[in-house]
Amino acid sequence: MKKILLSLVALLSVTVMEAQKNQTFLTLNNGVVIPQFGLGVYSIPAGEATYNSVLTALKAGYRHIDTAHAYQNERSVGQVMFPLRYN
């Protein structure tokens, strides 16, 4: 099972790196430009599941993590994004 998971992560990494070559971006109302493609964490439970998902996504090259206070997992996202602040 672990071999399959690692193979899927490797495939995802290659796919994301390939997609980044032709990445499209969105310009927000305030002029900030963000990648259009990102990881949404809406249904991922707070804690280890969110932490591992975001960490894997960042390692794969994702730079857009879609989260919100209503998801109740923003602290887990923050622990990956800003480790010195939370640890």
Protein backbone atom coordinates (compact mmCIF):
# COMPACT_ATOMS: atom_id res chain seq x y z
CA MET A 1 0.00 0.00 0.00
CA LYS A 2 2.83 2.40 0.87
CA LYS A 3 4.49 1.71 -2.51
CA ILE A 4 1.26 2.56 -4.31
CA LEU A 5 0.86 5.78 -2.32
CA LEU A 6 4.45 6.83 -3.02
CA SER A 7 3.96 6.07 -6.72
CA LEU A 8 0.84 8.22 -6.78
CA VAL A 9 2.67 11.08 -5.03
CA ALA A 10 5.52 10.82 -7.55
CA LEU A 11 3.05 10.85 -10.45
CA LEU A 12 1.24 13.82 -8.94
CA SER A 13 4.56 15.65 -8.53
CA VAL A 14 5.46 15.15 -12.19
CA THR A 15 1.96 16.18 -13.27
CA VAL A 16 2.05 19.34 -11.14
CA MET A 17 5.52 20.30 -12.37
CA GLU A 18 4.35 19.84 -15.96
CA ALA A 19 1.23 21.91 -15.31
CA GLN A 20 3.30 24.70 -13.75
CA LYS A 21 5.03 25.27 -17.08
CA ASN A 22 1.69 26.42 -18.50
CA GLN A 23 0.24 27.72 -15.23
CA THR A 24 -2.55 30.23 -15.47
CA PHE A 25 -2.99 32.91 -12.85
CA LEU A 26 -5.86 34.95 -11.47
CA THR A 27 -5.68 38.60 -10.49
CA LEU A 28 -7.67 39.38 -7.35
CA ASN A 29 -9.58 42.64 -6.86
CA ASN A 30 -6.66 44.09 -4.90
CA GLY A 31 -4.19 43.35 -7.71
CA VAL A 32 -2.56 40.30 -6.11
CA VAL A 33 -1.84 37.54 -8.63
CA ILE A 34 -2.32 33.90 -7.51
CA PRO A 35 -2.02 30.54 -9.28
CA GLN A 36 -5.38 29.34 -10.59
CA PHE A 37 -4.60 25.71 -9.77
CA GLY A 38 -4.48 24.86 -6.07
CA LEU A 39 -5.34 22.46 -3.27
CA GLY A 40 -8.73 22.87 -1.61
CA VAL A 41 -8.91 21.59 1.97
CA TYR A 42 -12.69 21.86 2.43
CA SER A 43 -13.44 18.27 3.44
CA ILE A 44 -10.09 17.31 5.01
CA PRO A 45 -10.37 16.89 8.80
CA ALA A 46 -8.21 19.17 10.95
CA GLY A 47 -5.02 17.75 12.37
CA GLU A 48 -2.71 15.18 10.85
CA ALA A 49 -4.80 14.63 7.69
CA THR A 50 -4.74 18.31 6.74
CA TYR A 51 -1.11 18.73 7.77
CA ASN A 52 0.04 15.77 5.64
CA SER A 53 -2.11 16.78 2.65
CA VAL A 54 -0.80 20.35 2.59
CA LEU A 55 2.80 19.25 3.18
CA THR A 56 2.57 16.76 0.30
CA ALA A 57 1.01 19.39 -1.96
CA LEU A 58 3.75 21.93 -1.18
CA LYS A 59 6.45 19.32 -1.83
CA ALA A 60 4.75 18.56 -5.15
CA GLY A 61 4.90 22.22 -6.16
CA TYR A 62 1.49 23.59 -5.22
CA ARG A 63 1.56 27.25 -4.19
CA HIS A 64 -2.18 27.92 -3.83
CA ILE A 65 -3.91 26.44 -0.78
CA ASP A 66 -7.62 27.26 -0.56
CA THR A 67 -8.81 27.31 3.05
CA ALA A 68 -11.35 29.20 5.13
CA HIS A 69 -12.25 29.65 8.78
CA ALA A 70 -15.49 27.74 8.20
CA TYR A 71 -13.49 24.59 7.29
CA GLN A 72 -12.16 24.43 10.88
CA ASN A 73 -8.74 23.24 9.68
CA GLU A 74 -6.91 26.51 9.07
CA ARG A 75 -4.60 25.97 12.06
CA SER A 76 -3.36 22.70 10.51
CA VAL A 77 -2.73 24.52 7.22
CA GLY A 78 -0.87 27.25 9.10
CA GLN A 79 1.34 24.73 10.88
CA VAL A 80 2.71 23.65 7.50
CA MET A 81 2.85 27.10 5.93
CA PHE A 82 4.32 28.94 8.95
CA PRO A 83 5.99 26.30 11.18
CA LEU A 84 7.96 28.72 13.36
CA ARG A 85 4.82 30.58 14.37
CA TYR A 86 2.96 27.47 15.62
CA ASN A 87 5.69 25.13 16.88
